Amino acid sequence: MTEPNFAEYYWEFLERGTILAVTLSGPANLRLMDPENFAAFQDGEKFEAYGGLARRAPYRIKVPKSGPWFLAIDLAGLGVRRVRHEVSVVPPQKLESRRTSRN
């Protein structure tokens, strides 16, 4: 069995509206999944995810509902062996304070 070609991040809880800003050194598939879909992804089964192919950084993904979340940085099918990555979490409160401070 081959080793999976992805890195993962896990948060026990992210609030709806939180933004994940992902910085990458190269292209990658970004897949934001709840625990059930992440388990299916790991098992090679059908899964649903938010995100997509990131070619430019930072790539932003908005958390659709509050709860636990996994982010897989997946290189499958891209012909890439390694990609450096960093994820910043921007809570919704911080986004709201930015909007009001500009007015």
PDB file of N, CA and C in Angstrom:
ATOM      1  N   MET A   1       0.844  -1.186   0.000  1.00  0.00           N
ATOM      2  CA  MET A   1       0.000   0.000   0.000  1.00  0.00           C
ATOM      3  C   MET A   1       0.888   1.248   0.000  1.00  0.00           C
ATOM      4  N   THR A   2       0.551   2.218  -0.809  1.00  0.00           N
ATOM      5  CA  THR A   2       1.359   3.435  -0.879  1.00  0.00           C
ATOM      6  C   THR A   2       0.932   4.415   0.200  1.00  0.00           C
ATOM      7  N   GLU A   3       1.861   5.228   0.585  1.00  0.00           N
ATOM      8  CA  GLU A   3       1.586   6.253   1.581  1.00  0.00           C
ATOM      9  C   GLU A   3       0.728   7.347   0.961  1.00  0.00           C
ATOM     10  N   PRO A   4      -0.248   7.881   1.706  1.00  0.00           N
ATOM     11  CA  PRO A   4      -1.099   8.935   1.134  1.00  0.00           C
ATOM     12  C   PRO A   4      -0.273  10.149   0.744  1.00  0.00           C
ATOM     13  N   ASN A   5      -0.686  10.780  -0.343  1.00  0.00           N
ATOM     14  CA  ASN A   5       0.040  11.938  -0.855  1.00  0.00           C
ATOM     15  C   ASN A   5      -0.695  13.221  -0.481  1.00  0.00           C
ATOM     16  N   PHE A   6      -0.965  13.379   0.812  1.00  0.00           N
ATOM     17  CA  PHE A   6      -1.623  14.598   1.276  1.00  0.00           C
ATOM     18  C   PHE A   6      -1.188  14.913   2.706  1.00  0.00           C
ATOM     19  N   ALA A   7      -1.302  16.171   3.051  1.00  0.00           N
ATOM     20  CA  ALA A   7      -1.088  16.625   4.424  1.00  0.00           C
ATOM     21  C   ALA A   7      -2.449  17.005   4.979  1.00  0.00           C
ATOM     22  N   GLU A   8      -2.603  16.935   6.270  1.00  0.00           N
ATOM     23  CA  GLU A   8      -3.896  17.267   6.858  1.00  0.00           C
ATOM     24  C   GLU A   8      -3.760  18.220   8.035  1.00  0.00           C
ATOM     25  N   TYR A   9      -4.777  19.032   8.178  1.00  0.00           N
ATOM     26  CA  TYR A   9      -4.948  19.897   9.337  1.00  0.00           C
ATOM     27  C   TYR A   9      -6.288  19.526   9.960  1.00  0.00           C
ATOM     28  N   TYR A  10      -6.383  19.637  11.283  1.00  0.00           N
ATOM     29  CA  TYR A  10      -7.633  19.326  11.961  1.00  0.00           C
ATOM     30  C   TYR A  10      -7.933  20.392  13.009  1.00  0.00           C
ATOM     31  N   TRP A  11      -9.173  20.804  13.056  1.00  0.00           N
ATOM     32  CA  TRP A  11      -9.663  21.715  14.082  1.00  0.00           C
ATOM     33  C   TRP A  11     -10.870  21.075  14.749  1.00  0.00           C
ATOM     34  N   GLU A  12     -10.865  21.027  16.077  1.00  0.00           N
ATOM     35  CA  GLU A  12     -12.003  20.462  16.808  1.00  0.00           C
ATOM     36  C   GLU A  12     -13.260  21.291  16.601  1.00  0.00           C
ATOM     37  N   PHE A  13     -13.072  22.604  16.400  1.00  0.00           N
ATOM     38  CA  PHE A  13     -14.236  23.465  16.181  1.00  0.00           C
ATOM     39  C   PHE A  13     -13.807  24.706  15.401  1.00  0.00           C
ATOM     40  N   LEU A  14     -14.527  24.963  14.330  1.00  0.00           N
ATOM     41  CA  LEU A  14     -14.398  26.223  13.609  1.00  0.00           C
ATOM     42  C   LEU A  14     -15.797  26.804  13.475  1.00  0.00           C
ATOM     43  N   GLU A  15     -15.917  28.098  13.716  1.00  0.00           N
ATOM     44  CA  GLU A  15     -17.204  28.773  13.614  1.00  0.00           C
ATOM     45  C   GLU A  15     -17.557  29.034  12.153  1.00  0.00           C
ATOM     46  N   ARG A  16     -18.832  28.927  11.859  1.00  0.00           N
ATOM     47  CA  ARG A  16     -19.330  29.231  10.512  1.00  0.00           C
ATOM     48  C   ARG A  16     -18.852  30.632  10.108  1.00  0.00           C
ATOM     49  N   GLY A  17     -18.369  30.775   8.883  1.00  0.00           N
ATOM     50  CA  GLY A  17     -17.894  32.061   8.396  1.00  0.00           C
ATOM     51  C   GLY A  17     -16.406  32.284   8.584  1.00  0.00           C
ATOM     52  N   THR A  18     -15.758  31.403   9.337  1.00  0.00           N
ATOM     53  CA  THR A  18     -14.306  31.482   9.495  1.00  0.00           C
ATOM     54  C   THR A  18     -13.650  31.312   8.122  1.00  0.00           C
ATOM     55  N   ILE A  19     -12.577  32.043   7.895  1.00  0.00           N
ATOM     56  CA  ILE A  19     -11.835  31.922   6.639  1.00  0.00           C
ATOM     57  C   ILE A  19     -10.510  31.203   6.914  1.00  0.00           C
ATOM     58  N   LEU A  20     -10.223  30.195   6.097  1.00  0.00           N
ATOM     59  CA  LEU A  20      -8.916  29.544   6.120  1.00  0.00           C
ATOM     60  C   LEU A  20      -8.125  30.104   4.956  1.00  0.00           C
ATOM     61  N   ALA A  21      -7.032  30.778   5.246  1.00  0.00           N
ATOM     62  CA  ALA A  21      -6.164  31.344   4.210  1.00  0.00           C
ATOM     63  C   ALA A  21      -4.952  30.430   4.083  1.00  0.00           C
ATOM     64  N   VAL A  22      -4.841  29.763   2.936  1.00  0.00           N
ATOM     65  CA  VAL A  22      -3.802  28.759   2.726  1.00  0.00           C
ATOM     66  C   VAL A  22      -2.733  29.328   1.793  1.00  0.00           C
ATOM     67  N   THR A  23      -1.494  29.307   2.261  1.00  0.00           N
ATOM     68  CA  THR A  23      -0.356  29.721   1.460  1.00  0.00           C
ATOM     69  C   THR A  23       0.390  28.466   1.036  1.00  0.00           C
ATOM     70  N   LEU A  24       0.688  28.370  -0.255  1.00  0.00           N
ATOM     71  CA  LEU A  24       1.331  27.185  -0.820  1.00  0.00           C
ATOM     72  C   LEU A  24       2.547  27.569  -1.647  1.00  0.00           C
ATOM     73  N   SER A  25       3.507  26.656  -1.743  1.00  0.00           N
ATOM     74  CA  SER A  25       4.673  26.895  -2.600  1.00  0.00           C
ATOM     75  C   SER A  25       4.443  26.365  -4.013  1.00  0.00           C
ATOM     76  N   GLY A  26       3.330  25.707  -4.249  1.00  0.00           N
ATOM     77  CA  GLY A  26       3.002  25.164  -5.568  1.00  0.00           C
ATOM     78  C   GLY A  26       1.549  24.752  -5.601  1.00  0.00           C
ATOM     79  N   PRO A  27       1.072  24.199  -6.722  1.00  0.00           N
ATOM     80  CA  PRO A  27      -0.331  23.833  -6.835  1.00  0.00           C
ATOM     81  C   PRO A  27      -0.694  22.650  -5.937  1.00  0.00           C
ATOM     82  N   ALA A  28      -1.932  22.661  -5.452  1.00  0.00           N
ATOM     83  CA  ALA A  28      -2.444  21.572  -4.620  1.00  0.00           C
ATOM     84  C   ALA A  28      -3.965  21.610  -4.647  1.00  0.00           C
ATOM     85  N   ASN A  29      -4.551  20.446  -4.414  1.00  0.00           N
ATOM     86  CA  ASN A  29      -5.999  20.359  -4.220  1.00  0.00           C
ATOM     87  C   ASN A  29      -6.282  20.587  -2.750  1.00  0.00           C
ATOM     88  N   LEU A  30      -7.106  21.575  -2.436  1.00  0.00           N
ATOM     89  CA  LEU A  30      -7.482  21.857  -1.053  1.00  0.00           C
ATOM     90  C   LEU A  30      -8.877  21.321  -0.828  1.00  0.00           C
ATOM     91  N   ARG A  31      -9.019  20.468   0.186  1.00  0.00           N
ATOM     92  CA  ARG A  31     -10.295  19.819   0.449  1.00  0.00           C
ATOM     93  C   ARG A  31     -10.680  20.014   1.918  1.00  0.00           C
ATOM     94  N   LEU A  32     -11.680  20.852   2.157  1.00  0.00           N
ATOM     95  CA  LEU A  32     -12.196  21.086   3.505  1.00  0.00           C
ATOM     96  C   LEU A  32     -13.365  20.133   3.717  1.00  0.00           C
ATOM     97  N   MET A  33     -13.259  19.267   4.743  1.00  0.00           N
ATOM     98  CA  MET A  33     -14.247  18.217   4.949  1.00  0.00           C
ATOM     99  C   MET A  33     -14.608  18.059   6.419  1.00  0.00           C
ATOM    100  N   ASP A  34     -15.862  17.668   6.652  1.00  0.00           N
ATOM    101  CA  ASP A  34     -16.259  17.293   8.005  1.00  0.00           C
ATOM    102  C   ASP A  34     -15.666  15.901   8.286  1.00  0.00           C
ATOM    103  N   PRO A  35     -15.721  15.433   9.546  1.00  0.00           N
ATOM    104  CA  PRO A  35     -15.077  14.146   9.874  1.00  0.00           C
ATOM    105  C   PRO A  35     -15.582  12.955   9.052  1.00  0.00           C
ATOM    106  N   GLU A  36     -16.865  12.899   8.755  1.00  0.00           N
ATOM    107  CA  GLU A  36     -17.410  11.771   7.999  1.00  0.00           C
ATOM    108  C   GLU A  36     -16.847  11.741   6.574  1.00  0.00           C
ATOM    109  N   ASN A  37     -16.813  12.903   5.918  1.00  0.00           N
ATOM    110  CA  ASN A  37     -16.283  12.966   4.564  1.00  0.00           C
ATOM    111  C   ASN A  37     -14.772  12.754   4.545  1.00  0.00           C
ATOM    112  N   PHE A  38     -14.071  13.203   5.581  1.00  0.00           N
ATOM    113  CA  PHE A  38     -12.629  12.976   5.644  1.00  0.00           C
ATOM    114  C   PHE A  38     -12.329  11.485   5.763  1.00  0.00           C
ATOM    115  N   ALA A  39     -13.117  10.767   6.561  1.00  0.00           N
ATOM    116  CA  ALA A  39     -12.939   9.315   6.692  1.00  0.00           C
ATOM    117  C   ALA A  39     -13.156   8.631   5.340  1.00  0.00           C
ATOM    118  N   ALA A  40     -14.181   9.058   4.610  1.00  0.00           N
ATOM    119  CA  ALA A  40     -14.438   8.493   3.284  1.00  0.00           C
ATOM    120  C   ALA A  40     -13.281   8.813   2.331  1.00  0.00           C
ATOM    121  N   PHE A  41     -12.776  10.042   2.388  1.00  0.00           N
ATOM    122  CA  PHE A  41     -11.631  10.461   1.568  1.00  0.00           C
ATOM    123  C   PHE A  41     -10.424   9.559   1.848  1.00  0.00           C
ATOM    124  N   GLN A  42     -10.136   9.321   3.122  1.00  0.00           N
ATOM    125  CA  GLN A  42      -9.001   8.480   3.501  1.00  0.00           C
ATOM    126  C   GLN A  42      -9.173   7.044   3.009  1.00  0.00           C
ATOM    127  N   ASP A  43     -10.411   6.570   2.991  1.00  0.00           N
ATOM    128  CA  ASP A  43     -10.696   5.192   2.568  1.00  0.00           C
ATOM    129  C   ASP A  43     -10.834   5.050   1.057  1.00  0.00           C
ATOM    130  N   GLY A  44     -10.691   6.150   0.325  1.00  0.00           N
ATOM    131  CA  GLY A  44     -10.813   6.105  -1.124  1.00  0.00           C
ATOM    132  C   GLY A  44     -12.246   5.981  -1.612  1.00  0.00           C
ATOM    133  N   GLU A  45     -13.192   6.350  -0.745  1.00  0.00           N
ATOM    134  CA  GLU A  45     -14.604   6.292  -1.095  1.00  0.00           C
ATOM    135  C   GLU A  45     -15.084   7.658  -1.567  1.00  0.00           C
ATOM    136  N   LYS A  46     -16.323   7.713  -2.022  1.00  0.00           N
ATOM    137  CA  LYS A  46     -16.914   8.973  -2.466  1.00  0.00           C
ATOM    138  C   LYS A  46     -17.059   9.916  -1.267  1.00  0.00           C
ATOM    139  N   PHE A  47     -16.703  11.190  -1.483  1.00  0.00           N
ATOM    140  CA  PHE A  47     -16.756  12.183  -0.411  1.00  0.00           C
ATOM    141  C   PHE A  47     -17.158  13.526  -0.996  1.00  0.00           C
ATOM    142  N   GLU A  48     -17.570  14.428  -0.121  1.00  0.00           N
ATOM    143  CA  GLU A  48     -17.866  15.808  -0.514  1.00  0.00           C
ATOM    144  C   GLU A  48     -16.905  16.727   0.222  1.00  0.00           C
ATOM    145  N   ALA A  49     -16.459  17.779  -0.474  1.00  0.00           N
ATOM    146  CA  ALA A  49     -15.497  18.700   0.119  1.00  0.00           C
ATOM    147  C   ALA A  49     -15.702  20.105  -0.441  1.00  0.00           C
ATOM    148  N   TYR A  50     -15.231  21.087   0.312  1.00  0.00           N
ATOM    149  CA  TYR A  50     -15.211  22.479  -0.117  1.00  0.00           C
ATOM    150  C   TYR A  50     -13.778  22.810  -0.485  1.00  0.00           C
ATOM    151  N   GLY A  51     -13.594  23.713  -1.409  1.00  0.00           N
ATOM    152  CA  GLY A  51     -12.255  24.103  -1.825  1.00  0.00           C
ATOM    153  C   GLY A  51     -12.073  23.852  -3.302  1.00  0.00           C
ATOM    154  N   GLY A  52     -10.913  23.367  -3.680  1.00  0.00           N
ATOM    155  CA  GLY A  52     -10.626  23.084  -5.079  1.00  0.00           C
ATOM    156  C   GLY A  52      -9.147  23.174  -5.361  1.00  0.00           C
ATOM    157  N   LEU A  53      -8.822  23.252  -6.634  1.00  0.00           N
ATOM    158  CA  LEU A  53      -7.429  23.346  -7.050  1.00  0.00           C
ATOM    159  C   LEU A  53      -6.914  24.761  -6.789  1.00  0.00           C
ATOM    160  N   ALA A  54      -5.882  24.845  -5.984  1.00  0.00           N
ATOM    161  CA  ALA A  54      -5.270  26.139  -5.665  1.00  0.00           C
ATOM    162  C   ALA A  54      -3.996  26.280  -6.474  1.00  0.00           C
ATOM    163  N   ARG A  55      -3.973  27.290  -7.324  1.00  0.00           N
ATOM    164  CA  ARG A  55      -2.769  27.563  -8.120  1.00  0.00           C
ATOM    165  C   ARG A  55      -2.048  28.813  -7.622  1.00  0.00           C
ATOM    166  N   ARG A  56      -2.805  29.706  -6.979  1.00  0.00           N
ATOM    167  CA  ARG A  56      -2.221  30.944  -6.451  1.00  0.00           C
ATOM    168  C   ARG A  56      -2.513  31.045  -4.959  1.00  0.00           C
ATOM    169  N   ALA A  57      -1.620  31.665  -4.236  1.00  0.00           N
ATOM    170  CA  ALA A  57      -1.800  31.823  -2.801  1.00  0.00           C
ATOM    171  C   ALA A  57      -1.936  33.296  -2.472  1.00  0.00           C
ATOM    172  N   PRO A  58      -2.588  33.681  -1.430  1.00  0.00           N
ATOM    173  CA  PRO A  58      -3.310  32.746  -0.571  1.00  0.00           C
ATOM    174  C   PRO A  58      -4.648  32.331  -1.187  1.00  0.00           C
ATOM    175  N   TYR A  59      -5.007  31.102  -0.930  1.00  0.00           N
ATOM    176  CA  TYR A  59      -6.289  30.560  -1.362  1.00  0.00           C
ATOM    177  C   TYR A  59      -7.184  30.592  -0.131  1.00  0.00           C
ATOM    178  N   ARG A  60      -8.373  31.132  -0.267  1.00  0.00           N
ATOM    179  CA  ARG A  60      -9.265  31.286   0.881  1.00  0.00           C
ATOM    180  C   ARG A  60     -10.458  30.350   0.771  1.00  0.00           C
ATOM    181  N   ILE A  61     -10.739  29.677   1.885  1.00  0.00           N
ATOM    182  CA  ILE A  61     -11.894  28.794   1.972  1.00  0.00           C
ATOM    183  C   ILE A  61     -12.734  29.258   3.153  1.00  0.00           C
ATOM    184  N   LYS A  62     -14.020  29.460   2.925  1.00  0.00           N
ATOM    185  CA  LYS A  62     -14.940  29.877   3.980  1.00  0.00           C
ATOM    186  C   LYS A  62     -15.607  28.644   4.590  1.00  0.00           C
ATOM    187  N   VAL A  63     -15.567  28.542   5.910  1.00  0.00           N
ATOM    188  CA  VAL A  63     -16.175  27.420   6.624  1.00  0.00           C
ATOM    189  C   VAL A  63     -17.698  27.561   6.548  1.00  0.00           C
ATOM    190  N   PRO A  64     -18.400  26.549   5.986  1.00  0.00           N
ATOM    191  CA  PRO A  64     -19.834  26.679   5.744  1.00  0.00           C
ATOM    192  C   PRO A  64     -20.733  26.506   6.964  1.00  0.00           C
ATOM    193  N   LYS A  65     -20.260  25.762   7.981  1.00  0.00           N
ATOM    194  CA  LYS A  65     -21.070  25.583   9.193  1.00  0.00           C
ATOM    195  C   LYS A  65     -20.140  25.306  10.366  1.00  0.00           C
ATOM    196  N   SER A  66     -20.604  25.625  11.553  1.00  0.00           N
ATOM    197  CA  SER A  66     -19.793  25.425  12.751  1.00  0.00           C
ATOM    198  C   SER A  66     -19.631  23.944  13.058  1.00  0.00           C
ATOM    199  N   GLY A  67     -18.442  23.571  13.542  1.00  0.00           N
ATOM    200  CA  GLY A  67     -18.185  22.194  13.924  1.00  0.00           C
ATOM    201  C   GLY A  67     -16.735  21.816  13.695  1.00  0.00           C
ATOM    202  N   PRO A  68     -16.438  20.505  13.771  1.00  0.00           N
ATOM    203  CA  PRO A  68     -15.077  20.034  13.530  1.00  0.00           C
ATOM    204  C   PRO A  68     -14.796  19.958  12.030  1.00  0.00           C
ATOM    205  N   TRP A  69     -13.543  20.259  11.645  1.00  0.00           N
ATOM    206  CA  TRP A  69     -13.181  20.280  10.223  1.00  0.00           C
ATOM    207  C   TRP A  69     -11.780  19.749   9.991  1.00  0.00           C
ATOM    208  N   PHE A  70     -11.609  19.087   8.853  1.00  0.00           N
ATOM    209  CA  PHE A  70     -10.307  18.661   8.353  1.00  0.00           C
ATOM    210  C   PHE A  70     -10.029  19.417   7.069  1.00  0.00           C
ATOM    211  N   LEU A  71      -8.779  19.782   6.869  1.00  0.00           N
ATOM    212  CA  LEU A  71      -8.329  20.338   5.602  1.00  0.00           C
ATOM    213  C   LEU A  71      -7.234  19.425   5.073  1.00  0.00           C
ATOM    214  N   ALA A  72      -7.472  18.838   3.899  1.00  0.00           N
ATOM    215  CA  ALA A  72      -6.464  18.009   3.253  1.00  0.00           C
ATOM    216  C   ALA A  72      -5.811  18.820   2.145  1.00  0.00           C
ATOM    217  N   ILE A  73      -4.504  18.830   2.139  1.00  0.00           N
ATOM    218  CA  ILE A  73      -3.734  19.440   1.061  1.00  0.00           C
ATOM    219  C   ILE A  73      -3.230  18.264   0.242  1.00  0.00           C
ATOM    220  N   ASP A  74      -3.935  18.023  -0.867  1.00  0.00           N
ATOM    221  CA  ASP A  74      -3.822  16.793  -1.641  1.00  0.00           C
ATOM    222  C   ASP A  74      -3.069  17.058  -2.943  1.00  0.00           C
ATOM    223  N   LEU A  75      -2.042  16.262  -3.198  1.00  0.00           N
ATOM    224  CA  LEU A  75      -1.222  16.435  -4.395  1.00  0.00           C
ATOM    225  C   LEU A  75      -1.528  15.394  -5.472  1.00  0.00           C
ATOM    226  N   ALA A  76      -2.500  14.536  -5.223  1.00  0.00           N
ATOM    227  CA  ALA A  76      -2.829  13.455  -6.158  1.00  0.00           C
ATOM    228  C   ALA A  76      -3.182  14.011  -7.538  1.00  0.00           C
ATOM    229  N   GLY A  77      -2.585  13.409  -8.562  1.00  0.00           N
ATOM    230  CA  GLY A  77      -2.888  13.773  -9.933  1.00  0.00           C
ATOM    231  C   GLY A  77      -2.219  15.034 -10.437  1.00  0.00           C
ATOM    232  N   LEU A  78      -1.386  15.658  -9.622  1.00  0.00           N
ATOM    233  CA  LEU A  78      -0.766  16.928 -10.016  1.00  0.00           C
ATOM    234  C   LEU A  78       0.686  16.776 -10.452  1.00  0.00           C
ATOM    235  N   GLY A  79       1.267  15.610 -10.274  1.00  0.00           N
ATOM    236  CA  GLY A  79       2.667  15.422 -10.654  1.00  0.00           C
ATOM    237  C   GLY A  79       3.628  16.196  -9.766  1.00  0.00           C
ATOM    238  N   VAL A  80       3.192  16.516  -8.567  1.00  0.00           N
ATOM    239  CA  VAL A  80       3.997  17.280  -7.610  1.00  0.00           C
ATOM    240  C   VAL A  80       4.319  16.349  -6.445  1.00  0.00           C
ATOM    241  N   ARG A  81       5.555  16.387  -5.973  1.00  0.00           N
ATOM    242  CA  ARG A  81       5.942  15.505  -4.865  1.00  0.00           C
ATOM    243  C   ARG A  81       5.768  16.180  -3.508  1.00  0.00           C
ATOM    244  N   ARG A  82       6.099  17.468  -3.443  1.00  0.00           N
ATOM    245  CA  ARG A  82       6.012  18.188  -2.164  1.00  0.00           C
ATOM    246  C   ARG A  82       5.581  19.620  -2.399  1.00  0.00           C
ATOM    247  N   VAL A  83       4.849  20.136  -1.434  1.00  0.00           N
ATOM    248  CA  VAL A  83       4.449  21.539  -1.452  1.00  0.00           C
ATOM    249  C   VAL A  83       4.519  22.036  -0.013  1.00  0.00           C
ATOM    250  N   ARG A  84       5.208  23.126   0.190  1.00  0.00           N
ATOM    251  CA  ARG A  84       5.210  23.747   1.522  1.00  0.00           C
ATOM    252  C   ARG A  84       3.870  24.447   1.699  1.00  0.00           C
ATOM    253  N   HIS A  85       3.353  24.424   2.909  1.00  0.00           N
ATOM    254  CA  HIS A  85       2.035  24.996   3.143  1.00  0.00           C
ATOM    255  C   HIS A  85       1.932  25.574   4.544  1.00  0.00           C
ATOM    256  N   GLU A  86       1.057  26.544   4.641  1.00  0.00           N
ATOM    257  CA  GLU A  86       0.761  27.196   5.919  1.00  0.00           C
ATOM    258  C   GLU A  86      -0.694  27.629   5.867  1.00  0.00           C
ATOM    259  N   VAL A  87      -1.389  27.467   6.989  1.00  0.00           N
ATOM    260  CA  VAL A  87      -2.804  27.836   7.053  1.00  0.00           C
ATOM    261  C   VAL A  87      -3.003  28.845   8.173  1.00  0.00           C
ATOM    262  N   SER A  88      -3.636  29.962   7.840  1.00  0.00           N
ATOM    263  CA  SER A  88      -4.019  30.966   8.838  1.00  0.00           C
ATOM    264  C   SER A  88      -5.529  30.910   9.003  1.00  0.00           C
ATOM    265  N   VAL A  89      -5.973  31.001  10.246  1.00  0.00           N
ATOM    266  CA  VAL A  89      -7.403  30.970  10.554  1.00  0.00           C
ATOM    267  C   VAL A  89      -7.844  32.384  10.903  1.00  0.00           C
ATOM    268  N   VAL A  90      -8.827  32.884  10.159  1.00  0.00           N
ATOM    269  CA  VAL A  90      -9.359  34.229  10.404  1.00  0.00           C
ATOM    270  C   VAL A  90     -10.794  34.070  10.901  1.00  0.00           C
ATOM    271  N   PRO A  91     -11.017  34.274  12.215  1.00  0.00           N
ATOM    272  CA  PRO A  91     -12.361  34.116  12.771  1.00  0.00           C
ATOM    273  C   PRO A  91     -13.334  35.156  12.224  1.00  0.00           C
ATOM    274  N   PRO A  92     -14.635  34.831  12.203  1.00  0.00           N
ATOM    275  CA  PRO A  92     -15.627  35.781  11.684  1.00  0.00           C
ATOM    276  C   PRO A  92     -15.647  37.111  12.433  1.00  0.00           C
ATOM    277  N   GLN A  93     -15.386  37.107  13.738  1.00  0.00           N
ATOM    278  CA  GLN A  93     -15.378  38.359  14.510  1.00  0.00           C
ATOM    279  C   GLN A  93     -14.312  39.301  13.993  1.00  0.00           C
ATOM    280  N   LYS A  94     -13.158  38.766  13.644  1.00  0.00           N
ATOM    281  CA  LYS A  94     -12.069  39.591  13.134  1.00  0.00           C
ATOM    282  C   LYS A  94     -12.446  40.188  11.776  1.00  0.00           C
ATOM    283  N   LEU A  95     -13.132  39.393  10.956  1.00  0.00           N
ATOM    284  CA  LEU A  95     -13.591  39.898   9.661  1.00  0.00           C
ATOM    285  C   LEU A  95     -14.581  41.041   9.861  1.00  0.00           C
ATOM    286  N   GLU A  96     -15.502  40.876  10.811  1.00  0.00           N
ATOM    287  CA  GLU A  96     -16.525  41.894  11.072  1.00  0.00           C
ATOM    288  C   GLU A  96     -15.882  43.172  11.601  1.00  0.00           C
ATOM    289  N   SER A  97     -14.870  43.052  12.484  1.00  0.00           N
ATOM    290  CA  SER A  97     -14.230  44.256  13.022  1.00  0.00           C
ATOM    291  C   SER A  97     -13.466  45.001  11.933  1.00  0.00           C
ATOM    292  N   ARG A  98     -12.936  44.291  10.955  1.00  0.00           N
ATOM    293  CA  ARG A  98     -12.249  44.954   9.832  1.00  0.00           C
ATOM    294  C   ARG A  98     -13.253  45.785   9.021  1.00  0.00           C
ATOM    295  N   ARG A  99     -14.443  45.226   8.800  1.00  0.00           N
ATOM    296  CA  ARG A  99     -15.454  45.928   8.019  1.00  0.00           C
ATOM    297  C   ARG A  99     -15.920  47.198   8.719  1.00  0.00           C
ATOM    298  N   THR A 100     -16.155  47.110  10.021  1.00  0.00           N
ATOM    299  CA  THR A 100     -16.660  48.284  10.740  1.00  0.00           C
ATOM    300  C   THR A 100     -15.592  49.334  10.933  1.00  0.00           C
ATOM    301  N   SER A 101     -14.326  48.940  11.036  1.00  0.00           N
ATOM    302  CA  SER A 101     -13.271  49.933  11.244  1.00  0.00           C
ATOM    303  C   SER A 101     -12.974  50.728   9.978  1.00  0.00           C
ATOM    304  N   ARG A 102     -13.360  50.222   8.819  1.00  0.00           N
ATOM    305  CA  ARG A 102     -13.128  50.926   7.564  1.00  0.00           C
ATOM    306  C   ARG A 102     -14.186  51.975   7.302  1.00  0.00           C
ATOM    307  N   ASN A 103     -15.327  51.863   7.938  1.00  0.00           N
ATOM    308  CA  ASN A 103     -16.436  52.806   7.695  1.00  0.00           C
ATOM    309  C   ASN A 103     -16.257  54.105   8.417  1.00  0.00           C
TER     310      ASN A 103
END
